[in-house]
Amino acid sequence: MQELTDTQNEKDDRNLPIDQVGVKNLRFPVEVREKNGGTQKTIATVSLAVALPQHYKGTHMSRFVEVLNSHGNCLDIRTINSIPKELIERLDAQRAHVTFQFPFFIKKLAPVSGGEGLVDYEVRFEIDYHRDGRSDFVLTTIVPVTTLCPCSKAISERGAHNQRGIVTYAIRSKKSIWVEDLIALVERSASCELYSLLKRPDEKFVTEKAYDNPVFVEDLVRNIASRSNAHENITWYRVEAENYESIHNHNAYAVIEHSHPASDPSSPA
C-alpha cells in the first residue's frame, strides 16, 4: 500500500498553540442512570477536543471518532471520565475537553388529576482533563419554568401576566449530585413548574400556584443561588435565567455566578 503524506504532523512556524481543536456535533447513543435506580437511553450531541502544541500543523480528526466508537453502540454516561484520558493518549496531547449534551426525561404526575406525562430537560456534562491528572467537571441543567410578575400582580385589579422562562444552571460539586435533584431545586425557585399533561383542575391549580408565588427574573436567580449556597456539596455555580416576556417585545435576563475557592481549587475565583 502506498504511504500517504501525513500533513497534520508537519511543523508549523507561526508559534501559536491552539487551546482546543477537535470535532463537534457528533450524535451518539448514551445510557443515563436515574435516581430511582433505573436507566434511560437517549441521544447525546458530543464535542471532543484536545490542546494542540504550537509545533504541530493539525490534529487527526478521525481519532476522536475512533475513541468514541470504541465504547460500543451505546455509551454508559458513567464512563465519560475515561474519554478525555483516552484522547490524551491517542493524540499525544497534554489536555482534552469533552462535552455531552442530551435530553433527559422525567415522568411527572399532574398535580390534581394525577395524569402521567414526560417532561424533557437538557443536560450537559463537560470535562476538562490534563495529562497530570487534574480534571474539572461541570454539570449543567436547562430547565423550563413558569414565572409570574410581582409588579403586575401588585398594580392590577385582576390577574397578573406570567411567562415561561428558561434557567441554565451549571455547578461544580464535591460529590455527585443527581440531575433530578438539580432540576427540582430550580423548579422550587420559580412561580410554578411545568407539566406535559394538564386537565382543567390541574390548570386551575398551576395558575393559582403561580399567582401565589410571584417572582421577578431577579428573584428566580436569587432563589436558586440561595439554595445553592446552602447545599453542602456545591462548590461553584452559575445560574442564568431568561424570561420570554408575554407583554413586552424583549426578554428579561439575570445571572449570578459564585464559587467557594477554599473548598474547590479548580473553580474560578
C-alpha atoms as a PDB file:
ATOM      1  CA  MET A   1       0.000   0.000   0.000  1.00  0.00           C
ATOM      2  CA  GLN A   2       1.336   3.428  -0.934  1.00  0.00           C
ATOM      3  CA  GLU A   3       2.437   5.522   2.053  1.00  0.00           C
ATOM      4  CA  LEU A   4       0.450   8.759   2.194  1.00  0.00           C
ATOM      5  CA  THR A   5       1.690  12.126   3.390  1.00  0.00           C
ATOM      6  CA  ASP A   6       0.779  12.902   6.999  1.00  0.00           C
ATOM      7  CA  THR A   7       0.160  16.647   6.683  1.00  0.00           C
ATOM      8  CA  GLN A   8      -1.121  17.041  10.240  1.00  0.00           C
ATOM      9  CA  ASN A   9       2.277  16.072  11.660  1.00  0.00           C
ATOM     10  CA  GLU A  10       4.135  18.680   9.654  1.00  0.00           C
ATOM     11  CA  LYS A  11       5.726  21.505  11.626  1.00  0.00           C
ATOM     12  CA  ASP A  12       4.080  24.905  11.914  1.00  0.00           C
ATOM     13  CA  ASP A  13       6.258  28.007  12.262  1.00  0.00           C
ATOM     14  CA  ARG A  14       3.647  30.516  13.460  1.00  0.00           C
ATOM     15  CA  ASN A  15       4.438  29.732  17.103  1.00  0.00           C
ATOM     16  CA  LEU A  16       0.754  29.661  18.110  1.00  0.00           C
ATOM     17  CA  PRO A  17      -0.644  26.818  20.227  1.00  0.00           C
ATOM     18  CA  ILE A  18      -4.378  26.061  19.917  1.00  0.00           C
ATOM     19  CA  ASP A  19      -6.439  25.757  23.087  1.00  0.00           C
ATOM     20  CA  GLN A  20      -8.996  23.325  21.661  1.00  0.00           C
ATOM     21  CA  VAL A  21      -9.230  21.553  18.326  1.00  0.00           C
ATOM     22  CA  GLY A  22     -11.405  18.591  17.512  1.00  0.00           C
ATOM     23  CA  VAL A  23     -14.910  17.629  16.390  1.00  0.00           C
ATOM     24  CA  LYS A  24     -18.365  18.971  17.278  1.00  0.00           C
ATOM     25  CA  ASN A  25     -21.994  17.975  16.796  1.00  0.00           C
ATOM     26  CA  LEU A  26     -21.468  14.240  16.797  1.00  0.00           C
ATOM     27  CA  ARG A  27     -24.622  12.388  17.809  1.00  0.00           C
ATOM     28  CA  PHE A  28     -24.147   9.239  19.857  1.00  0.00           C
ATOM     29  CA  PRO A  29     -26.432   6.944  21.920  1.00  0.00           C
ATOM     30  CA  VAL A  30     -25.914   7.143  25.677  1.00  0.00           C
ATOM     31  CA  GLU A  31     -27.414   5.432  28.695  1.00  0.00           C
ATOM     32  CA  VAL A  32     -28.097   7.602  31.744  1.00  0.00           C
ATOM     33  CA  ARG A  33     -28.684   6.384  35.272  1.00  0.00           C
ATOM     34  CA  GLU A  34     -31.803   7.654  37.070  1.00  0.00           C
ATOM     35  CA  LYS A  35     -32.177   8.478  40.749  1.00  0.00           C
ATOM     36  CA  ASN A  36     -34.902   5.839  41.152  1.00  0.00           C
ATOM     37  CA  GLY A  37     -32.463   3.108  40.165  1.00  0.00           C
ATOM     38  CA  GLY A  38     -33.497   2.794  36.542  1.00  0.00           C
ATOM     39  CA  THR A  39     -31.765   3.919  33.362  1.00  0.00           C
ATOM     40  CA  GLN A  40     -32.873   5.689  30.227  1.00  0.00           C
ATOM     41  CA  LYS A  41     -31.355   5.671  26.769  1.00  0.00           C
ATOM     42  CA  THR A  42     -31.094   8.933  24.911  1.00  0.00           C
ATOM     43  CA  ILE A  43     -29.027  10.636  22.197  1.00  0.00           C
ATOM     44  CA  ALA A  44     -26.175  12.976  23.108  1.00  0.00           C
ATOM     45  CA  THR A  45     -24.642  15.718  20.999  1.00  0.00           C
ATOM     46  CA  VAL A  46     -20.917  15.317  21.545  1.00  0.00           C
ATOM     47  CA  SER A  47     -17.898  17.606  21.252  1.00  0.00           C
ATOM     48  CA  LEU A  48     -14.359  16.228  21.627  1.00  0.00           C
ATOM     49  CA  ALA A  49     -11.212  18.348  21.616  1.00  0.00           C
ATOM     50  CA  VAL A  50      -7.554  18.450  22.644  1.00  0.00           C
ATOM     51  CA  ALA A  51      -4.989  21.203  23.052  1.00  0.00           C
ATOM     52  CA  LEU A  52      -2.615  21.352  20.078  1.00  0.00           C
ATOM     53  CA  PRO A  53       1.037  22.334  20.672  1.00  0.00           C
ATOM     54  CA  GLN A  54       2.441  25.198  18.650  1.00  0.00           C
ATOM     55  CA  HIS A  55       4.754  22.982  16.590  1.00  0.00           C
ATOM     56  CA  TYR A  56       2.000  20.741  15.122  1.00  0.00           C
ATOM     57  CA  LYS A  57       0.194  21.847  11.983  1.00  0.00           C
ATOM     58  CA  GLY A  58      -3.010  19.913  12.766  1.00  0.00           C
ATOM     59  CA  THR A  59      -4.653  17.115  14.695  1.00  0.00           C
ATOM     60  CA  HIS A  60      -6.012  13.768  13.496  1.00  0.00           C
ATOM     61  CA  MET A  61      -9.781  14.242  13.423  1.00  0.00           C
ATOM     62  CA  SER A  62     -10.573  10.581  12.740  1.00  0.00           C
ATOM     63  CA  ARG A  63      -9.031   9.533  16.044  1.00  0.00           C
ATOM     64  CA  PHE A  64     -11.670  11.433  18.013  1.00  0.00           C
ATOM     65  CA  VAL A  65     -14.395   9.417  16.328  1.00  0.00           C
ATOM     66  CA  GLU A  66     -12.440   6.200  16.834  1.00  0.00           C
ATOM     67  CA  VAL A  67     -12.199   6.824  20.578  1.00  0.00           C
ATOM     68  CA  LEU A  68     -15.922   7.475  20.872  1.00  0.00           C
ATOM     69  CA  ASN A  69     -16.899   4.444  18.806  1.00  0.00           C
ATOM     70  CA  SER A  70     -14.599   2.191  20.792  1.00  0.00           C
ATOM     71  CA  HIS A  71     -17.222   2.317  23.554  1.00  0.00           C
ATOM     72  CA  GLY A  72     -19.683   0.251  21.533  1.00  0.00           C
ATOM     73  CA  ASN A  73     -23.153   1.099  20.299  1.00  0.00           C
ATOM     74  CA  CYS A  74     -24.281   2.901  23.481  1.00  0.00           C
ATOM     75  CA  LEU A  75     -22.054   4.729  25.944  1.00  0.00           C
ATOM     76  CA  ASP A  76     -22.770   4.410  29.654  1.00  0.00           C
ATOM     77  CA  ILE A  77     -22.539   8.064  30.674  1.00  0.00           C
ATOM     78  CA  ARG A  78     -20.898   6.984  33.956  1.00  0.00           C
ATOM     79  CA  THR A  79     -17.771   6.068  31.960  1.00  0.00           C
ATOM     80  CA  ILE A  80     -17.452   9.508  30.394  1.00  0.00           C
ATOM     81  CA  ASN A  81     -14.376  10.258  32.548  1.00  0.00           C
ATOM     82  CA  SER A  82     -12.360   7.735  30.567  1.00  0.00           C
ATOM     83  CA  ILE A  83     -12.844   9.509  27.240  1.00  0.00           C
ATOM     84  CA  PRO A  84     -10.607  12.582  27.772  1.00  0.00           C
ATOM     85  CA  LYS A  85      -7.896  10.290  29.144  1.00  0.00           C
ATOM     86  CA  GLU A  86      -8.128   8.152  26.009  1.00  0.00           C
ATOM     87  CA  LEU A  87      -7.986  11.241  23.789  1.00  0.00           C
ATOM     88  CA  ILE A  88      -4.809  12.446  25.504  1.00  0.00           C
ATOM     89  CA  GLU A  89      -3.092   9.115  24.888  1.00  0.00           C
ATOM     90  CA  ARG A  90      -4.447   8.601  21.380  1.00  0.00           C
ATOM     91  CA  LEU A  91      -3.498  12.103  20.206  1.00  0.00           C
ATOM     92  CA  ASP A  92      -0.386  12.587  22.359  1.00  0.00           C
ATOM     93  CA  ALA A  93      -1.929  15.699  23.932  1.00  0.00           C
ATOM     94  CA  GLN A  94      -1.478  17.407  27.283  1.00  0.00           C
ATOM     95  CA  ARG A  95      -5.117  18.380  27.730  1.00  0.00           C
ATOM     96  CA  ALA A  96      -8.529  17.230  26.498  1.00  0.00           C
ATOM     97  CA  HIS A  97     -12.059  18.632  26.705  1.00  0.00           C
ATOM     98  CA  VAL A  98     -15.284  16.701  26.137  1.00  0.00           C
ATOM     99  CA  THR A  99     -18.930  17.783  26.178  1.00  0.00           C
ATOM    100  CA  PHE A 100     -22.016  15.560  26.133  1.00  0.00           C
ATOM    101  CA  GLN A 101     -25.428  17.260  25.921  1.00  0.00           C
ATOM    102  CA  PHE A 102     -28.610  15.206  25.837  1.00  0.00           C
ATOM    103  CA  PRO A 103     -32.359  15.345  26.533  1.00  0.00           C
ATOM    104  CA  PHE A 104     -33.287  13.838  29.889  1.00  0.00           C
ATOM    105  CA  PHE A 105     -36.888  12.810  30.528  1.00  0.00           C
ATOM    106  CA  ILE A 106     -38.742  12.826  33.854  1.00  0.00           C
ATOM    107  CA  LYS A 107     -42.185  11.327  34.344  1.00  0.00           C
ATOM    108  CA  LYS A 108     -44.364  13.843  36.183  1.00  0.00           C
ATOM    109  CA  LEU A 109     -47.847  13.491  37.597  1.00  0.00           C
ATOM    110  CA  ALA A 110     -50.356  16.279  37.077  1.00  0.00           C
ATOM    111  CA  PRO A 111     -50.887  17.994  40.462  1.00  0.00           C
ATOM    112  CA  VAL A 112     -54.632  17.263  40.807  1.00  0.00           C
ATOM    113  CA  SER A 113     -55.725  14.615  38.290  1.00  0.00           C
ATOM    114  CA  GLY A 114     -52.522  12.586  38.626  1.00  0.00           C
ATOM    115  CA  GLY A 115     -52.213  12.123  34.868  1.00  0.00           C
ATOM    116  CA  GLU A 116     -48.781  10.927  33.774  1.00  0.00           C
ATOM    117  CA  GLY A 117     -46.647  12.761  31.250  1.00  0.00           C
ATOM    118  CA  LEU A 118     -42.970  13.032  30.306  1.00  0.00           C
ATOM    119  CA  VAL A 119     -41.186  16.377  30.581  1.00  0.00           C
ATOM    120  CA  ASP A 120     -37.847  16.752  28.780  1.00  0.00           C
ATOM    121  CA  TYR A 121     -34.894  18.746  30.061  1.00  0.00           C
ATOM    122  CA  GLU A 122     -31.477  19.395  28.540  1.00  0.00           C
ATOM    123  CA  VAL A 123     -28.438  18.141  30.485  1.00  0.00           C
ATOM    124  CA  ARG A 124     -24.785  18.846  29.721  1.00  0.00           C
ATOM    125  CA  PHE A 125     -21.670  17.103  31.062  1.00  0.00           C
ATOM    126  CA  GLU A 126     -18.349  18.884  30.494  1.00  0.00           C
ATOM    127  CA  ILE A 127     -14.947  17.508  31.466  1.00  0.00           C
ATOM    128  CA  ASP A 128     -11.596  19.230  31.124  1.00  0.00           C
ATOM    129  CA  TYR A 129      -8.725  16.829  31.800  1.00  0.00           C
ATOM    130  CA  HIS A 130      -4.938  17.335  31.985  1.00  0.00           C
ATOM    131  CA  ARG A 131      -2.283  14.698  31.484  1.00  0.00           C
ATOM    132  CA  ASP A 132      -1.001  15.295  35.026  1.00  0.00           C
ATOM    133  CA  GLY A 133      -4.359  14.114  36.402  1.00  0.00           C
ATOM    134  CA  ARG A 134      -6.051  17.448  37.073  1.00  0.00           C
ATOM    135  CA  SER A 135      -9.669  17.469  35.988  1.00  0.00           C
ATOM    136  CA  ASP A 136     -12.685  19.729  36.073  1.00  0.00           C
ATOM    137  CA  PHE A 137     -16.288  18.544  35.760  1.00  0.00           C
ATOM    138  CA  VAL A 138     -19.245  20.886  35.199  1.00  0.00           C
ATOM    139  CA  LEU A 139     -22.833  19.634  35.244  1.00  0.00           C
ATOM    140  CA  THR A 140     -25.437  21.862  33.579  1.00  0.00           C
ATOM    141  CA  THR A 141     -29.213  21.507  33.556  1.00  0.00           C
ATOM    142  CA  ILE A 142     -31.503  23.590  31.343  1.00  0.00           C
ATOM    143  CA  VAL A 143     -34.915  23.825  32.994  1.00  0.00           C
ATOM    144  CA  PRO A 144     -38.128  25.469  31.717  1.00  0.00           C
ATOM    145  CA  VAL A 145     -40.259  27.150  34.403  1.00  0.00           C
ATOM    146  CA  THR A 146     -43.219  29.487  34.882  1.00  0.00           C
ATOM    147  CA  THR A 147     -42.758  32.939  36.409  1.00  0.00           C
ATOM    148  CA  LEU A 148     -45.450  35.470  37.372  1.00  0.00           C
ATOM    149  CA  CYS A 149     -44.636  39.170  37.597  1.00  0.00           C
ATOM    150  CA  PRO A 150     -44.864  40.596  41.158  1.00  0.00           C
ATOM    151  CA  CYS A 151     -45.259  44.129  39.823  1.00  0.00           C
ATOM    152  CA  SER A 152     -48.137  43.149  37.547  1.00  0.00           C
ATOM    153  CA  LYS A 153     -49.868  41.428  40.456  1.00  0.00           C
ATOM    154  CA  ALA A 154     -49.349  44.434  42.747  1.00  0.00           C
ATOM    155  CA  ILE A 155     -50.763  47.038  40.370  1.00  0.00           C
ATOM    156  CA  SER A 156     -53.568  45.108  38.667  1.00  0.00           C
ATOM    157  CA  GLU A 157     -57.132  44.792  39.909  1.00  0.00           C
ATOM    158  CA  ARG A 158     -57.469  41.440  38.133  1.00  0.00           C
ATOM    159  CA  GLY A 159     -54.792  38.891  37.333  1.00  0.00           C
ATOM    160  CA  ALA A 160     -51.098  39.293  36.524  1.00  0.00           C
ATOM    161  CA  HIS A 161     -49.019  38.491  33.470  1.00  0.00           C
ATOM    162  CA  ASN A 162     -46.886  35.367  33.510  1.00  0.00           C
ATOM    163  CA  GLN A 163     -44.475  33.740  31.109  1.00  0.00           C
ATOM    164  CA  ARG A 164     -42.303  30.746  30.520  1.00  0.00           C
ATOM    165  CA  GLY A 165     -38.667  31.105  31.485  1.00  0.00           C
ATOM    166  CA  ILE A 166     -35.543  29.060  30.838  1.00  0.00           C
ATOM    167  CA  VAL A 167     -32.979  28.523  33.580  1.00  0.00           C
ATOM    168  CA  THR A 168     -29.466  27.362  32.697  1.00  0.00           C
ATOM    169  CA  TYR A 169     -27.928  26.091  35.917  1.00  0.00           C
ATOM    170  CA  ALA A 170     -24.297  24.915  35.976  1.00  0.00           C
ATOM    171  CA  ILE A 171     -22.494  23.543  39.030  1.00  0.00           C
ATOM    172  CA  ARG A 172     -19.268  22.060  40.300  1.00  0.00           C
ATOM    173  CA  SER A 173     -19.584  19.808  43.327  1.00  0.00           C
ATOM    174  CA  LYS A 174     -17.520  17.820  45.821  1.00  0.00           C
ATOM    175  CA  LYS A 175     -19.675  14.732  45.268  1.00  0.00           C
ATOM    176  CA  SER A 176     -22.005  13.566  42.533  1.00  0.00           C
ATOM    177  CA  ILE A 177     -25.455  15.160  42.565  1.00  0.00           C
ATOM    178  CA  TRP A 178     -28.453  13.648  40.827  1.00  0.00           C
ATOM    179  CA  VAL A 179     -29.730  15.507  37.793  1.00  0.00           C
ATOM    180  CA  GLU A 180     -33.269  15.142  39.153  1.00  0.00           C
ATOM    181  CA  ASP A 181     -32.274  16.958  42.359  1.00  0.00           C
ATOM    182  CA  LEU A 182     -30.834  19.930  40.451  1.00  0.00           C
ATOM    183  CA  ILE A 183     -33.972  20.169  38.320  1.00  0.00           C
ATOM    184  CA  ALA A 184     -36.156  20.084  41.445  1.00  0.00           C
ATOM    185  CA  LEU A 185     -34.040  22.826  43.057  1.00  0.00           C
ATOM    186  CA  VAL A 186     -34.656  25.085  40.065  1.00  0.00           C
ATOM    187  CA  GLU A 187     -38.365  24.325  39.861  1.00  0.00           C
ATOM    188  CA  ARG A 188     -38.903  25.086  43.565  1.00  0.00           C
ATOM    189  CA  SER A 189     -37.354  28.509  42.943  1.00  0.00           C
ATOM    190  CA  ALA A 190     -39.866  29.547  40.266  1.00  0.00           C
ATOM    191  CA  SER A 191     -43.523  30.548  40.441  1.00  0.00           C
ATOM    192  CA  CYS A 192     -44.540  27.088  39.253  1.00  0.00           C
ATOM    193  CA  GLU A 193     -43.029  24.100  37.466  1.00  0.00           C
ATOM    194  CA  LEU A 194     -44.145  22.898  34.036  1.00  0.00           C
ATOM    195  CA  TYR A 195     -46.106  19.742  33.184  1.00  0.00           C
ATOM    196  CA  SER A 196     -46.769  17.988  29.898  1.00  0.00           C
ATOM    197  CA  LEU A 197     -50.315  16.824  30.758  1.00  0.00           C
ATOM    198  CA  LEU A 198     -52.863  19.080  32.467  1.00  0.00           C
ATOM    199  CA  LYS A 199     -56.616  18.653  32.837  1.00  0.00           C
ATOM    200  CA  ARG A 200     -58.814  21.610  33.807  1.00  0.00           C
ATOM    201  CA  PRO A 201     -58.438  21.045  37.591  1.00  0.00           C
ATOM    202  CA  ASP A 202     -54.658  20.878  37.074  1.00  0.00           C
ATOM    203  CA  GLU A 203     -54.662  24.073  35.035  1.00  0.00           C
ATOM    204  CA  LYS A 204     -56.582  25.841  37.818  1.00  0.00           C
ATOM    205  CA  PHE A 205     -54.021  24.571  40.331  1.00  0.00           C
ATOM    206  CA  VAL A 206     -50.908  25.716  38.460  1.00  0.00           C
ATOM    207  CA  THR A 207     -52.468  29.081  37.577  1.00  0.00           C
ATOM    208  CA  GLU A 208     -53.269  29.804  41.211  1.00  0.00           C
ATOM    209  CA  LYS A 209     -49.939  28.432  42.428  1.00  0.00           C
ATOM    210  CA  ALA A 210     -48.063  30.827  40.136  1.00  0.00           C
ATOM    211  CA  TYR A 211     -50.284  33.701  41.283  1.00  0.00           C
ATOM    212  CA  ASP A 212     -49.470  32.888  44.915  1.00  0.00           C
ATOM    213  CA  ASN A 213     -45.720  32.728  44.180  1.00  0.00           C
ATOM    214  CA  PRO A 214     -44.788  35.732  42.021  1.00  0.00           C
ATOM    215  CA  VAL A 215     -41.092  36.066  41.118  1.00  0.00           C
ATOM    216  CA  PHE A 216     -39.133  38.517  39.020  1.00  0.00           C
ATOM    217  CA  VAL A 217     -36.254  37.106  36.984  1.00  0.00           C
ATOM    218  CA  GLU A 218     -34.079  38.614  39.732  1.00  0.00           C
ATOM    219  CA  ASP A 219     -35.980  36.629  42.366  1.00  0.00           C
ATOM    220  CA  LEU A 220     -35.584  33.465  40.344  1.00  0.00           C
ATOM    221  CA  VAL A 221     -31.788  33.566  40.164  1.00  0.00           C
ATOM    222  CA  ARG A 222     -31.525  34.682  43.795  1.00  0.00           C
ATOM    223  CA  ASN A 223     -33.761  31.827  44.944  1.00  0.00           C
ATOM    224  CA  ILE A 224     -31.581  29.307  43.092  1.00  0.00           C
ATOM    225  CA  ALA A 225     -28.397  30.957  44.373  1.00  0.00           C
ATOM    226  CA  SER A 226     -29.628  30.832  47.968  1.00  0.00           C
ATOM    227  CA  ARG A 227     -30.402  27.140  47.693  1.00  0.00           C
ATOM    228  CA  SER A 228     -27.018  26.539  46.050  1.00  0.00           C
ATOM    229  CA  ASN A 229     -25.206  28.373  48.845  1.00  0.00           C
ATOM    230  CA  ALA A 230     -26.953  26.152  51.388  1.00  0.00           C
ATOM    231  CA  HIS A 231     -26.103  22.922  49.553  1.00  0.00           C
ATOM    232  CA  GLU A 232     -23.254  21.080  51.246  1.00  0.00           C
ATOM    233  CA  ASN A 233     -21.772  19.651  48.038  1.00  0.00           C
ATOM    234  CA  ILE A 234     -21.992  22.565  45.573  1.00  0.00           C
ATOM    235  CA  THR A 235     -18.681  24.451  45.361  1.00  0.00           C
ATOM    236  CA  TRP A 236     -19.389  26.668  42.333  1.00  0.00           C
ATOM    237  CA  TYR A 237     -22.451  27.596  40.328  1.00  0.00           C
ATOM    238  CA  ARG A 238     -23.618  29.817  37.541  1.00  0.00           C
ATOM    239  CA  VAL A 239     -27.347  30.382  37.277  1.00  0.00           C
ATOM    240  CA  GLU A 240     -28.760  32.190  34.269  1.00  0.00           C
ATOM    241  CA  ALA A 241     -32.464  32.887  33.814  1.00  0.00           C
ATOM    242  CA  GLU A 242     -34.251  34.281  30.787  1.00  0.00           C
ATOM    243  CA  ASN A 243     -37.959  35.084  30.810  1.00  0.00           C
ATOM    244  CA  TYR A 244     -39.802  35.176  27.493  1.00  0.00           C
ATOM    245  CA  GLU A 245     -41.965  38.135  28.413  1.00  0.00           C
ATOM    246  CA  SER A 246     -45.634  37.863  27.475  1.00  0.00           C
ATOM    247  CA  ILE A 247     -46.428  41.628  27.346  1.00  0.00           C
ATOM    248  CA  HIS A 248     -43.072  43.072  26.202  1.00  0.00           C
ATOM    249  CA  ASN A 249     -41.135  42.722  22.979  1.00  0.00           C
ATOM    250  CA  HIS A 250     -37.963  41.867  24.898  1.00  0.00           C
ATOM    251  CA  ASN A 251     -36.822  39.147  27.287  1.00  0.00           C
ATOM    252  CA  ALA A 252     -35.841  39.664  30.924  1.00  0.00           C
ATOM    253  CA  TYR A 253     -32.449  38.271  31.904  1.00  0.00           C
ATOM    254  CA  ALA A 254     -30.346  37.763  35.059  1.00  0.00           C
ATOM    255  CA  VAL A 255     -27.176  35.865  36.046  1.00  0.00           C
ATOM    256  CA  ILE A 256     -25.427  35.005  39.310  1.00  0.00           C
ATOM    257  CA  GLU A 257     -22.075  33.202  39.449  1.00  0.00           C
ATOM    258  CA  HIS A 258     -20.443  32.246  42.723  1.00  0.00           C
ATOM    259  CA  SER A 259     -17.695  29.933  43.966  1.00  0.00           C
ATOM    260  CA  HIS A 260     -16.101  28.728  47.163  1.00  0.00           C
ATOM    261  CA  PRO A 261     -12.386  28.679  46.192  1.00  0.00           C
ATOM    262  CA  ALA A 262     -11.250  27.265  49.530  1.00  0.00           C
ATOM    263  CA  SER A 263     -13.267  24.084  49.008  1.00  0.00           C
ATOM    264  CA  ASP A 264     -12.789  23.801  45.242  1.00  0.00           C
ATOM    265  CA  PRO A 265      -9.325  24.725  43.941  1.00  0.00           C
ATOM    266  CA  SER A 266     -10.399  24.203  40.311  1.00  0.00           C
ATOM    267  CA  SER A 267     -13.254  26.670  40.482  1.00  0.00           C
ATOM    268  CA  PRO A 268     -12.777  30.203  39.156  1.00  0.00           C
ATOM    269  CA  ALA A 269     -12.235  32.957  41.716  1.00  0.00           C
END
